[in-house]
């Protein structure tokens, strides 16, 4: 199985590349990563420079801004996942954005990102995301000329009804709501009682 490069690594050994056009964001991410104790932190102003450097010296993790010019974070990740990218194929990636619209999240995950990090964020949130990533054992699968995270396409293509009382669905294995219900799809009893009182 082909697992991502950061699987099982210790946080203090993690080499992270941060790519963002904005200097303040690069500085903020560098400070948060240093505060939580990662290893070497490289920052890049644009995706072209980052790709060329990372191809020679691959990091263990890429954190890229969604909205960069001329190449977006998702486009960078898509290029990394191409079979010709060598060891970059297996470097996990996070896309960061202040506007995590469903379409942006879907685009990032389809491009090959493991996660989307919503900004603003905190060092504790970033730490939890990194901890999850270091233990994420989903393998890569080859799909033509690119590598994809196993199971991602199926997860993105799931379509099931979204009850009006649940703003976003959780994983398919989790219940949509917890509590007494009268039947399938009913809101929990406590929610119905609160709504009736208002």
C-alpha atoms as a PDB file:
ATOM      1  CA  UNK A   1       0.000   0.000   0.000  1.00  0.00           C
ATOM      2  CA  UNK A   2       1.095   3.529  -0.749  1.00  0.00           C
ATOM      3  CA  UNK A   3       0.609   5.719   2.317  1.00  0.00           C
ATOM      4  CA  UNK A   4       1.286   9.409   2.665  1.00  0.00           C
ATOM      5  CA  UNK A   5       4.722  10.551   3.696  1.00  0.00           C
ATOM      6  CA  UNK A   6       3.752  11.861   7.171  1.00  0.00           C
ATOM      7  CA  UNK A   7       2.033   8.692   8.408  1.00  0.00           C
ATOM      8  CA  UNK A   8       3.401   7.711  11.817  1.00  0.00           C
ATOM      9  CA  UNK A   9       5.951  10.534  11.994  1.00  0.00           C
ATOM     10  CA  UNK A  10       6.657  12.351  15.223  1.00  0.00           C
ATOM     11  CA  UNK A  11       5.435  15.938  15.186  1.00  0.00           C
ATOM     12  CA  UNK A  12       8.883  17.332  15.998  1.00  0.00           C
ATOM     13  CA  UNK A  13      10.328  15.583  12.908  1.00  0.00           C
ATOM     14  CA  UNK A  14       7.655  16.886  10.537  1.00  0.00           C
ATOM     15  CA  UNK A  15       9.008  19.057   7.703  1.00  0.00           C
ATOM     16  CA  UNK A  16       6.243  21.447   6.624  1.00  0.00           C
ATOM     17  CA  UNK A  17       6.006  23.671   3.550  1.00  0.00           C
ATOM     18  CA  UNK A  18       3.618  26.630   3.765  1.00  0.00           C
ATOM     19  CA  UNK A  19       2.616  28.277   0.481  1.00  0.00           C
ATOM     20  CA  UNK A  20       0.704  31.559   0.463  1.00  0.00           C
ATOM     21  CA  UNK A  21       0.989  34.804  -1.534  1.00  0.00           C
ATOM     22  CA  UNK A  22       0.430  36.825   1.643  1.00  0.00           C
ATOM     23  CA  UNK A  23       3.432  37.416   3.902  1.00  0.00           C
ATOM     24  CA  UNK A  24       1.310  37.856   7.085  1.00  0.00           C
ATOM     25  CA  UNK A  25      -0.331  34.455   6.546  1.00  0.00           C
ATOM     26  CA  UNK A  26       3.026  32.771   5.986  1.00  0.00           C
ATOM     27  CA  UNK A  27       4.343  34.375   9.176  1.00  0.00           C
ATOM     28  CA  UNK A  28       1.259  33.398  11.176  1.00  0.00           C
ATOM     29  CA  UNK A  29       1.372  29.764  10.014  1.00  0.00           C
ATOM     30  CA  UNK A  30       5.115  29.592  10.703  1.00  0.00           C
ATOM     31  CA  UNK A  31       4.551  30.914  14.245  1.00  0.00           C
ATOM     32  CA  UNK A  32       1.717  28.447  14.950  1.00  0.00           C
ATOM     33  CA  UNK A  33       3.670  25.480  13.575  1.00  0.00           C
ATOM     34  CA  UNK A  34       6.708  26.466  15.652  1.00  0.00           C
ATOM     35  CA  UNK A  35       4.516  26.877  18.751  1.00  0.00           C
ATOM     36  CA  UNK A  36       3.142  23.346  18.433  1.00  0.00           C
ATOM     37  CA  UNK A  37       6.609  21.923  17.890  1.00  0.00           C
ATOM     38  CA  UNK A  38       6.928  20.808  14.279  1.00  0.00           C
ATOM     39  CA  UNK A  39      10.308  20.339  12.661  1.00  0.00           C
ATOM     40  CA  UNK A  40      11.645  22.466   9.808  1.00  0.00           C
ATOM     41  CA  UNK A  41       9.196  24.983   8.337  1.00  0.00           C
ATOM     42  CA  UNK A  42       9.726  26.251   4.783  1.00  0.00           C
ATOM     43  CA  UNK A  43       7.624  29.100   3.398  1.00  0.00           C
ATOM     44  CA  UNK A  44       7.006  30.030  -0.229  1.00  0.00           C
ATOM     45  CA  UNK A  45       5.369  33.033  -1.826  1.00  0.00           C
ATOM     46  CA  UNK A  46       4.089  31.200  -4.903  1.00  0.00           C
ATOM     47  CA  UNK A  47       3.215  27.699  -6.012  1.00  0.00           C
ATOM     48  CA  UNK A  48       5.717  27.563  -8.897  1.00  0.00           C
ATOM     49  CA  UNK A  49       8.688  28.278  -6.630  1.00  0.00           C
ATOM     50  CA  UNK A  50       7.349  25.825  -4.047  1.00  0.00           C
ATOM     51  CA  UNK A  51       6.825  23.023  -6.563  1.00  0.00           C
ATOM     52  CA  UNK A  52      10.337  23.332  -8.004  1.00  0.00           C
ATOM     53  CA  UNK A  53      11.992  23.340  -4.577  1.00  0.00           C
ATOM     54  CA  UNK A  54       9.792  20.601  -3.108  1.00  0.00           C
ATOM     55  CA  UNK A  55      10.468  18.334  -6.109  1.00  0.00           C
ATOM     56  CA  UNK A  56      14.160  18.290  -5.086  1.00  0.00           C
ATOM     57  CA  UNK A  57      13.577  18.219  -1.317  1.00  0.00           C
ATOM     58  CA  UNK A  58      10.069  16.893  -0.541  1.00  0.00           C
ATOM     59  CA  UNK A  59       8.499  17.997   2.746  1.00  0.00           C
ATOM     60  CA  UNK A  60       6.336  15.759   4.927  1.00  0.00           C
ATOM     61  CA  UNK A  61       3.328  18.084   4.655  1.00  0.00           C
ATOM     62  CA  UNK A  62       2.153  20.915   2.410  1.00  0.00           C
ATOM     63  CA  UNK A  63      -0.185  23.627   3.688  1.00  0.00           C
ATOM     64  CA  UNK A  64      -1.270  25.809   0.760  1.00  0.00           C
ATOM     65  CA  UNK A  65      -3.644  28.747   0.430  1.00  0.00           C
ATOM     66  CA  UNK A  66      -6.689  28.048  -1.696  1.00  0.00           C
ATOM     67  CA  UNK A  67      -6.651  31.409  -3.455  1.00  0.00           C
ATOM     68  CA  UNK A  68      -3.248  32.110  -4.971  1.00  0.00           C
ATOM     69  CA  UNK A  69      -2.241  33.488  -8.338  1.00  0.00           C
ATOM     70  CA  UNK A  70      -1.347  32.301 -10.906  1.00  0.00           C
ATOM     71  CA  UNK A  71      -1.710  28.752  -9.481  1.00  0.00           C
ATOM     72  CA  UNK A  72      -4.261  28.006  -6.757  1.00  0.00           C
ATOM     73  CA  UNK A  73      -3.684  25.641  -3.858  1.00  0.00           C
ATOM     74  CA  UNK A  74      -5.904  22.988  -5.444  1.00  0.00           C
ATOM     75  CA  UNK A  75      -4.014  23.253  -8.736  1.00  0.00           C
ATOM     76  CA  UNK A  76      -0.735  22.828  -6.858  1.00  0.00           C
ATOM     77  CA  UNK A  77      -2.025  19.703  -5.110  1.00  0.00           C
ATOM     78  CA  UNK A  78      -3.333  18.320  -8.416  1.00  0.00           C
ATOM     79  CA  UNK A  79       0.161  18.783  -9.921  1.00  0.00           C
ATOM     80  CA  UNK A  80       1.713  17.079  -6.880  1.00  0.00           C
ATOM     81  CA  UNK A  81      -0.542  14.036  -7.352  1.00  0.00           C
ATOM     82  CA  UNK A  82       0.594  13.442 -10.961  1.00  0.00           C
ATOM     83  CA  UNK A  83       2.731  10.316 -11.370  1.00  0.00           C
ATOM     84  CA  UNK A  84       5.521  12.433 -12.910  1.00  0.00           C
ATOM     85  CA  UNK A  85       5.845  14.430  -9.648  1.00  0.00           C
ATOM     86  CA  UNK A  86       7.938  11.643  -8.100  1.00  0.00           C
ATOM     87  CA  UNK A  87       7.999  11.614  -4.298  1.00  0.00           C
ATOM     88  CA  UNK A  88       5.693  14.663  -4.144  1.00  0.00           C
ATOM     89  CA  UNK A  89       2.830  12.328  -5.096  1.00  0.00           C
ATOM     90  CA  UNK A  90       2.717  11.021  -1.548  1.00  0.00           C
ATOM     91  CA  UNK A  91       3.095  14.265   0.414  1.00  0.00           C
ATOM     92  CA  UNK A  92      -0.156  14.987   2.284  1.00  0.00           C
ATOM     93  CA  UNK A  93      -1.692  18.397   1.715  1.00  0.00           C
ATOM     94  CA  UNK A  94      -4.000  20.799   3.525  1.00  0.00           C
ATOM     95  CA  UNK A  95      -5.719  23.643   1.739  1.00  0.00           C
ATOM     96  CA  UNK A  96      -6.406  26.714   3.886  1.00  0.00           C
ATOM     97  CA  UNK A  97      -9.127  29.243   3.206  1.00  0.00           C
ATOM     98  CA  UNK A  98     -11.285  31.745   5.047  1.00  0.00           C
ATOM     99  CA  UNK A  99     -14.128  30.844   2.694  1.00  0.00           C
ATOM    100  CA  UNK A 100     -14.716  27.110   3.021  1.00  0.00           C
ATOM    101  CA  UNK A 101     -17.678  26.933   0.674  1.00  0.00           C
ATOM    102  CA  UNK A 102     -18.783  23.387  -0.152  1.00  0.00           C
ATOM    103  CA  UNK A 103     -17.573  23.852  -3.740  1.00  0.00           C
ATOM    104  CA  UNK A 104     -14.083  24.865  -2.543  1.00  0.00           C
ATOM    105  CA  UNK A 105     -13.892  21.931  -0.123  1.00  0.00           C
ATOM    106  CA  UNK A 106     -14.977  19.526  -2.847  1.00  0.00           C
ATOM    107  CA  UNK A 107     -12.474  20.976  -5.334  1.00  0.00           C
ATOM    108  CA  UNK A 108      -9.622  20.677  -2.814  1.00  0.00           C
ATOM    109  CA  UNK A 109     -10.453  17.103  -1.828  1.00  0.00           C
ATOM    110  CA  UNK A 110     -10.933  15.996  -5.448  1.00  0.00           C
ATOM    111  CA  UNK A 111      -7.537  17.540  -6.272  1.00  0.00           C
ATOM    112  CA  UNK A 112      -5.951  15.270  -3.670  1.00  0.00           C
ATOM    113  CA  UNK A 113      -5.869  17.319  -0.462  1.00  0.00           C
ATOM    114  CA  UNK A 114      -6.354  15.413   2.774  1.00  0.00           C
ATOM    115  CA  UNK A 115      -8.018  18.309   4.613  1.00  0.00           C
ATOM    116  CA  UNK A 116      -9.301  21.850   4.306  1.00  0.00           C
ATOM    117  CA  UNK A 117      -8.267  24.165   7.123  1.00  0.00           C
ATOM    118  CA  UNK A 118     -10.750  26.978   7.738  1.00  0.00           C
ATOM    119  CA  UNK A 119      -9.228  30.338   8.651  1.00  0.00           C
ATOM    120  CA  UNK A 120      -8.904  31.983  11.038  1.00  0.00           C
ATOM    121  CA  UNK A 121      -7.565  29.083  13.040  1.00  0.00           C
ATOM    122  CA  UNK A 122      -5.703  28.546  16.284  1.00  0.00           C
ATOM    123  CA  UNK A 123      -2.589  26.609  17.215  1.00  0.00           C
ATOM    124  CA  UNK A 124      -4.732  24.087  19.119  1.00  0.00           C
ATOM    125  CA  UNK A 125      -6.961  23.460  16.086  1.00  0.00           C
ATOM    126  CA  UNK A 126      -3.924  23.122  13.844  1.00  0.00           C
ATOM    127  CA  UNK A 127      -2.379  20.698  16.341  1.00  0.00           C
ATOM    128  CA  UNK A 128      -5.525  18.512  16.293  1.00  0.00           C
ATOM    129  CA  UNK A 129      -5.529  18.520  12.481  1.00  0.00           C
ATOM    130  CA  UNK A 130      -1.864  17.511  12.360  1.00  0.00           C
ATOM    131  CA  UNK A 131      -2.402  14.789  14.968  1.00  0.00           C
ATOM    132  CA  UNK A 132      -5.259  13.382  12.889  1.00  0.00           C
ATOM    133  CA  UNK A 133      -3.161  13.547   9.726  1.00  0.00           C
ATOM    134  CA  UNK A 134      -0.176  11.763  11.282  1.00  0.00           C
ATOM    135  CA  UNK A 135      -2.519   8.848  12.036  1.00  0.00           C
ATOM    136  CA  UNK A 136      -4.541   8.921   8.785  1.00  0.00           C
ATOM    137  CA  UNK A 137      -3.719   5.586   7.174  1.00  0.00           C
ATOM    138  CA  UNK A 138      -5.867   5.917   4.049  1.00  0.00           C
ATOM    139  CA  UNK A 139      -3.653   4.752   1.181  1.00  0.00           C
ATOM    140  CA  UNK A 140      -3.185   6.365  -2.200  1.00  0.00           C
ATOM    141  CA  UNK A 141      -4.538   4.614  -5.284  1.00  0.00           C
ATOM    142  CA  UNK A 142      -3.431   5.234  -8.834  1.00  0.00           C
ATOM    143  CA  UNK A 143      -6.187   6.507 -11.124  1.00  0.00           C
ATOM    144  CA  UNK A 144      -4.726   6.911 -14.591  1.00  0.00           C
ATOM    145  CA  UNK A 145      -1.878   9.419 -14.338  1.00  0.00           C
ATOM    146  CA  UNK A 146      -2.698  10.648 -10.837  1.00  0.00           C
ATOM    147  CA  UNK A 147      -2.768   9.341  -7.293  1.00  0.00           C
ATOM    148  CA  UNK A 148      -5.945   9.792  -5.276  1.00  0.00           C
ATOM    149  CA  UNK A 149      -6.710   9.282  -1.597  1.00  0.00           C
ATOM    150  CA  UNK A 150      -8.507   5.941  -1.331  1.00  0.00           C
ATOM    151  CA  UNK A 151     -12.235   6.270  -0.740  1.00  0.00           C
ATOM    152  CA  UNK A 152     -12.345  10.041  -1.286  1.00  0.00           C
ATOM    153  CA  UNK A 153     -14.376   9.908  -4.498  1.00  0.00           C
ATOM    154  CA  UNK A 154     -16.979   7.616  -2.945  1.00  0.00           C
ATOM    155  CA  UNK A 155     -17.226   9.845   0.102  1.00  0.00           C
ATOM    156  CA  UNK A 156     -17.693  12.962  -2.018  1.00  0.00           C
ATOM    157  CA  UNK A 157     -20.292  11.332  -4.223  1.00  0.00           C
ATOM    158  CA  UNK A 158     -22.509  10.199  -1.337  1.00  0.00           C
ATOM    159  CA  UNK A 159     -25.917  11.696  -1.632  1.00  0.00           C
ATOM    160  CA  UNK A 160     -28.434  11.355   1.123  1.00  0.00           C
ATOM    161  CA  UNK A 161     -31.254  13.611   2.292  1.00  0.00           C
ATOM    162  CA  UNK A 162     -30.280  16.422   4.633  1.00  0.00           C
ATOM    163  CA  UNK A 163     -32.909  17.043   7.312  1.00  0.00           C
ATOM    164  CA  UNK A 164     -33.597  20.727   7.876  1.00  0.00           C
ATOM    165  CA  UNK A 165     -32.598  20.547  11.554  1.00  0.00           C
ATOM    166  CA  UNK A 166     -29.058  19.312  10.801  1.00  0.00           C
ATOM    167  CA  UNK A 167     -26.936  21.989   9.076  1.00  0.00           C
ATOM    168  CA  UNK A 168     -24.272  19.634   7.683  1.00  0.00           C
ATOM    169  CA  UNK A 169     -24.084  15.856   7.555  1.00  0.00           C
ATOM    170  CA  UNK A 170     -21.481  13.925   9.500  1.00  0.00           C
ATOM    171  CA  UNK A 171     -19.875  10.675   8.398  1.00  0.00           C
ATOM    172  CA  UNK A 172     -22.403   8.115   7.202  1.00  0.00           C
ATOM    173  CA  UNK A 173     -21.780   5.933  10.264  1.00  0.00           C
ATOM    174  CA  UNK A 174     -22.813   8.655  12.723  1.00  0.00           C
ATOM    175  CA  UNK A 175     -26.443   9.393  13.554  1.00  0.00           C
ATOM    176  CA  UNK A 176     -27.752  12.691  12.232  1.00  0.00           C
ATOM    177  CA  UNK A 177     -29.285  13.503  15.612  1.00  0.00           C
ATOM    178  CA  UNK A 178     -29.211  11.965  19.057  1.00  0.00           C
ATOM    179  CA  UNK A 179     -32.282  11.621  21.225  1.00  0.00           C
ATOM    180  CA  UNK A 180     -35.762  10.121  21.218  1.00  0.00           C
ATOM    181  CA  UNK A 181     -37.485  10.126  17.865  1.00  0.00           C
ATOM    182  CA  UNK A 182     -40.896   8.995  16.744  1.00  0.00           C
ATOM    183  CA  UNK A 183     -39.584   7.550  13.507  1.00  0.00           C
ATOM    184  CA  UNK A 184     -36.958   7.743  10.810  1.00  0.00           C
ATOM    185  CA  UNK A 185     -36.109  11.322   9.929  1.00  0.00           C
ATOM    186  CA  UNK A 186     -37.960  12.891  12.887  1.00  0.00           C
ATOM    187  CA  UNK A 187     -36.183  15.517  14.929  1.00  0.00           C
ATOM    188  CA  UNK A 188     -35.221  14.396  18.436  1.00  0.00           C
ATOM    189  CA  UNK A 189     -37.972  14.865  21.004  1.00  0.00           C
ATOM    190  CA  UNK A 190     -36.058  17.558  22.936  1.00  0.00           C
ATOM    191  CA  UNK A 191     -35.545  19.639  19.783  1.00  0.00           C
ATOM    192  CA  UNK A 192     -39.229  19.402  18.866  1.00  0.00           C
ATOM    193  CA  UNK A 193     -40.259  20.467  22.393  1.00  0.00           C
ATOM    194  CA  UNK A 194     -37.907  23.464  22.346  1.00  0.00           C
ATOM    195  CA  UNK A 195     -39.205  24.502  18.928  1.00  0.00           C
ATOM    196  CA  UNK A 196     -42.817  24.193  20.119  1.00  0.00           C
ATOM    197  CA  UNK A 197     -42.109  26.475  23.100  1.00  0.00           C
ATOM    198  CA  UNK A 198     -40.723  29.277  20.910  1.00  0.00           C
END
